[in-house]
Amino acid sequence: MDLGAYMLGQHELLKAYVDEHYGEVPRFRGVRFMKYEKLDDPDDEQERMFASHCGEDVVYIHTRCGGSNYEYFEADMWEAGHDTFIESMDDAFDCTYRDHYFRAVPGDDYDAICAQFEEALKEEACE
């Protein structure tokens, strides 16, 4: 499980953004805003997919919908219901999890989230 995505997914503002723009996420486990992610030297296909979206206006949603859960919990239908869907892949370490990538939906809520991330990064840089 992606613990970083899980922790971010518990944030009220981020969860509200996901609910508003991507609907009820089947077996939701977390979210990352890829604009603020970085991964150097990816080792495998899953990491290469993740790295390809780093620094972009892309939202990564982590679910427990890998393997046979993908169709059973209708994650395939959920993805197909959004024109912002880019791609997805089962987790390399535990195939019962899945990484889903969607284009970010611009607007005031996305801008507010980005502003909070940027402020946190500024504070971190000053420490």
C-alpha atoms as a PDB file:
ATOM      1  CA  MET A   1       0.000   0.000   0.000  1.00  0.00           C
ATOM      2  CA  ASP A   2       1.175   3.535  -0.782  1.00  0.00           C
ATOM      3  CA  LEU A   3       1.304   5.044   2.719  1.00  0.00           C
ATOM      4  CA  GLY A   4       2.150   8.512   1.404  1.00  0.00           C
ATOM      5  CA  ALA A   5      -0.946   8.499  -0.796  1.00  0.00           C
ATOM      6  CA  TYR A   6      -2.969   7.113   2.106  1.00  0.00           C
ATOM      7  CA  MET A   7      -1.932   9.974   4.406  1.00  0.00           C
ATOM      8  CA  LEU A   8      -2.700  12.605   1.763  1.00  0.00           C
ATOM      9  CA  GLY A   9      -6.020  10.901   1.039  1.00  0.00           C
ATOM     10  CA  GLN A  10      -7.101  11.552   4.613  1.00  0.00           C
ATOM     11  CA  HIS A  11      -6.773  15.331   4.129  1.00  0.00           C
ATOM     12  CA  GLU A  12     -10.268  16.813   3.961  1.00  0.00           C
ATOM     13  CA  LEU A  13      -9.561  19.243   1.087  1.00  0.00           C
ATOM     14  CA  LEU A  14      -7.863  16.601  -1.073  1.00  0.00           C
ATOM     15  CA  LYS A  15     -10.555  13.984  -0.446  1.00  0.00           C
ATOM     16  CA  ALA A  16     -13.250  16.558  -1.317  1.00  0.00           C
ATOM     17  CA  TYR A  17     -11.442  17.328  -4.592  1.00  0.00           C
ATOM     18  CA  VAL A  18     -11.287  13.635  -5.494  1.00  0.00           C
ATOM     19  CA  ASP A  19     -14.954  13.090  -4.624  1.00  0.00           C
ATOM     20  CA  GLU A  20     -16.028  16.135  -6.643  1.00  0.00           C
ATOM     21  CA  HIS A  21     -14.067  15.377  -9.809  1.00  0.00           C
ATOM     22  CA  TYR A  22     -13.646  11.604  -9.908  1.00  0.00           C
ATOM     23  CA  GLY A  23     -16.765  10.436  -8.105  1.00  0.00           C
ATOM     24  CA  GLU A  24     -16.964   7.668  -5.569  1.00  0.00           C
ATOM     25  CA  VAL A  25     -13.645   5.888  -5.906  1.00  0.00           C
ATOM     26  CA  PRO A  26     -14.004   2.126  -5.515  1.00  0.00           C
ATOM     27  CA  ARG A  27     -11.954   0.896  -2.558  1.00  0.00           C
ATOM     28  CA  PHE A  28     -10.144   4.253  -2.253  1.00  0.00           C
ATOM     29  CA  ARG A  29      -6.779   4.092  -0.485  1.00  0.00           C
ATOM     30  CA  GLY A  30      -5.114   7.409  -1.251  1.00  0.00           C
ATOM     31  CA  VAL A  31      -4.210  10.232  -3.594  1.00  0.00           C
ATOM     32  CA  ARG A  32      -1.130  12.093  -4.791  1.00  0.00           C
ATOM     33  CA  PHE A  33      -0.937  15.304  -6.776  1.00  0.00           C
ATOM     34  CA  MET A  34       1.772  14.446  -9.283  1.00  0.00           C
ATOM     35  CA  LYS A  35       2.728  18.068  -9.863  1.00  0.00           C
ATOM     36  CA  TYR A  36       4.615  17.843  -6.544  1.00  0.00           C
ATOM     37  CA  GLU A  37       6.086  14.356  -6.896  1.00  0.00           C
ATOM     38  CA  LYS A  38       9.555  13.350  -8.041  1.00  0.00           C
ATOM     39  CA  LEU A  39      11.098   9.945  -8.698  1.00  0.00           C
ATOM     40  CA  ASP A  40      14.654   9.551  -9.915  1.00  0.00           C
ATOM     41  CA  ASP A  41      15.904   6.438 -11.672  1.00  0.00           C
ATOM     42  CA  PRO A  42      12.770   4.286 -11.810  1.00  0.00           C
ATOM     43  CA  ASP A  43      13.532   0.569 -11.598  1.00  0.00           C
ATOM     44  CA  ASP A  44      10.438  -1.126 -12.970  1.00  0.00           C
ATOM     45  CA  GLU A  45       7.405  -0.556 -15.179  1.00  0.00           C
ATOM     46  CA  GLN A  46       5.240   0.725 -12.318  1.00  0.00           C
ATOM     47  CA  GLU A  47       7.880   3.254 -11.226  1.00  0.00           C
ATOM     48  CA  ARG A  48       8.424   4.340 -14.849  1.00  0.00           C
ATOM     49  CA  MET A  49       4.685   5.009 -15.177  1.00  0.00           C
ATOM     50  CA  PHE A  50       4.719   6.999 -11.923  1.00  0.00           C
ATOM     51  CA  ALA A  51       7.828   8.967 -12.989  1.00  0.00           C
ATOM     52  CA  SER A  52       6.292   9.791 -16.374  1.00  0.00           C
ATOM     53  CA  HIS A  53       3.596  11.813 -14.585  1.00  0.00           C
ATOM     54  CA  CYS A  54       5.847  13.540 -12.021  1.00  0.00           C
ATOM     55  CA  GLY A  55       5.723  17.323 -12.269  1.00  0.00           C
ATOM     56  CA  GLU A  56       2.518  17.187 -14.330  1.00  0.00           C
ATOM     57  CA  ASP A  57      -1.043  18.280 -13.573  1.00  0.00           C
ATOM     58  CA  VAL A  58      -2.031  14.676 -12.957  1.00  0.00           C
ATOM     59  CA  VAL A  59      -3.863  13.113 -10.016  1.00  0.00           C
ATOM     60  CA  TYR A  60      -2.785   9.636  -8.901  1.00  0.00           C
ATOM     61  CA  ILE A  61      -5.462   7.655  -7.094  1.00  0.00           C
ATOM     62  CA  HIS A  62      -4.495   4.489  -5.245  1.00  0.00           C
ATOM     63  CA  THR A  63      -7.154   1.805  -4.753  1.00  0.00           C
ATOM     64  CA  ARG A  64      -7.521  -1.763  -3.581  1.00  0.00           C
ATOM     65  CA  CYS A  65      -8.797  -2.656  -7.055  1.00  0.00           C
ATOM     66  CA  GLY A  66      -5.922  -4.624  -8.540  1.00  0.00           C
ATOM     67  CA  GLY A  67      -6.060  -8.128  -9.950  1.00  0.00           C
ATOM     68  CA  SER A  68      -9.516  -9.724  -9.864  1.00  0.00           C
ATOM     69  CA  ASN A  69     -10.752  -6.730  -7.811  1.00  0.00           C
ATOM     70  CA  TYR A  70     -10.439  -4.538 -10.919  1.00  0.00           C
ATOM     71  CA  GLU A  71     -13.615  -5.800 -12.546  1.00  0.00           C
ATOM     72  CA  TYR A  72     -15.304  -7.198  -9.438  1.00  0.00           C
ATOM     73  CA  PHE A  73     -15.433  -3.748  -7.797  1.00  0.00           C
ATOM     74  CA  GLU A  74     -16.040  -2.068 -11.183  1.00  0.00           C
ATOM     75  CA  ALA A  75     -12.872   0.013 -11.225  1.00  0.00           C
ATOM     76  CA  ASP A  76     -12.789  -0.562 -14.989  1.00  0.00           C
ATOM     77  CA  MET A  77     -16.240   1.064 -15.283  1.00  0.00           C
ATOM     78  CA  TRP A  78     -15.240   3.889 -12.926  1.00  0.00           C
ATOM     79  CA  GLU A  79     -12.162   4.686 -15.068  1.00  0.00           C
ATOM     80  CA  ALA A  80     -14.178   4.525 -18.297  1.00  0.00           C
ATOM     81  CA  GLY A  81     -16.713   6.983 -16.848  1.00  0.00           C
ATOM     82  CA  HIS A  82     -14.161   9.814 -16.733  1.00  0.00           C
ATOM     83  CA  ASP A  83     -12.753  11.563 -19.777  1.00  0.00           C
ATOM     84  CA  THR A  84      -9.841  12.661 -17.579  1.00  0.00           C
ATOM     85  CA  PHE A  85      -8.594   9.056 -17.196  1.00  0.00           C
ATOM     86  CA  ILE A  86      -5.062   8.491 -18.531  1.00  0.00           C
ATOM     87  CA  GLU A  87      -3.894   4.998 -17.519  1.00  0.00           C
ATOM     88  CA  SER A  88      -3.656   2.520 -14.651  1.00  0.00           C
ATOM     89  CA  MET A  89      -1.631  -0.454 -13.494  1.00  0.00           C
ATOM     90  CA  ASP A  90      -1.682  -3.048 -10.722  1.00  0.00           C
ATOM     91  CA  ASP A  91       0.817  -2.543  -7.918  1.00  0.00           C
ATOM     92  CA  ALA A  92       4.037  -4.488  -8.497  1.00  0.00           C
ATOM     93  CA  PHE A  93       4.395  -5.379  -4.807  1.00  0.00           C
ATOM     94  CA  ASP A  94       0.792  -6.388  -4.131  1.00  0.00           C
ATOM     95  CA  CYS A  95      -1.419  -6.964  -7.166  1.00  0.00           C
ATOM     96  CA  THR A  96      -4.581  -6.339  -5.128  1.00  0.00           C
ATOM     97  CA  TYR A  97      -3.749  -2.603  -5.235  1.00  0.00           C
ATOM     98  CA  ARG A  98      -3.882  -0.454  -8.370  1.00  0.00           C
ATOM     99  CA  ASP A  99      -2.509   2.946  -9.422  1.00  0.00           C
ATOM    100  CA  HIS A 100      -4.885   5.117 -11.500  1.00  0.00           C
ATOM    101  CA  TYR A 101      -3.813   8.337 -13.245  1.00  0.00           C
ATOM    102  CA  PHE A 102      -6.211  11.117 -14.213  1.00  0.00           C
ATOM    103  CA  ARG A 103      -5.685  14.581 -15.660  1.00  0.00           C
ATOM    104  CA  ALA A 104      -6.208  17.181 -12.948  1.00  0.00           C
ATOM    105  CA  VAL A 105      -9.384  19.206 -13.237  1.00  0.00           C
ATOM    106  CA  PRO A 106      -8.419  22.881 -13.080  1.00  0.00           C
ATOM    107  CA  GLY A 107     -10.389  25.310 -10.982  1.00  0.00           C
ATOM    108  CA  ASP A 108     -10.464  27.115  -7.670  1.00  0.00           C
ATOM    109  CA  ASP A 109     -10.297  23.900  -5.653  1.00  0.00           C
ATOM    110  CA  TYR A 110      -7.249  22.626  -7.561  1.00  0.00           C
ATOM    111  CA  ASP A 111      -5.584  26.046  -7.261  1.00  0.00           C
ATOM    112  CA  ALA A 112      -6.208  26.086  -3.483  1.00  0.00           C
ATOM    113  CA  ILE A 113      -4.636  22.640  -3.093  1.00  0.00           C
ATOM    114  CA  CYS A 114      -1.631  23.647  -5.207  1.00  0.00           C
ATOM    115  CA  ALA A 115      -1.188  26.808  -3.135  1.00  0.00           C
ATOM    116  CA  GLN A 116      -1.094  24.717   0.055  1.00  0.00           C
ATOM    117  CA  PHE A 117       1.465  22.324  -1.432  1.00  0.00           C
ATOM    118  CA  GLU A 118       3.618  25.223  -2.607  1.00  0.00           C
ATOM    119  CA  GLU A 119       3.461  26.912   0.797  1.00  0.00           C
ATOM    120  CA  ALA A 120       4.457  23.665   2.517  1.00  0.00           C
ATOM    121  CA  LEU A 121       7.378  23.239   0.099  1.00  0.00           C
ATOM    122  CA  LYS A 122       8.563  26.795   0.804  1.00  0.00           C
ATOM    123  CA  GLU A 123       8.432  26.163   4.548  1.00  0.00           C
ATOM    124  CA  GLU A 124      10.295  22.874   4.116  1.00  0.00           C
ATOM    125  CA  ALA A 125      13.000  24.591   2.068  1.00  0.00           C
ATOM    126  CA  CYS A 126      13.516  27.174   4.834  1.00  0.00           C
ATOM    127  CA  GLU A 127      14.120  24.548   7.528  1.00  0.00           C
END
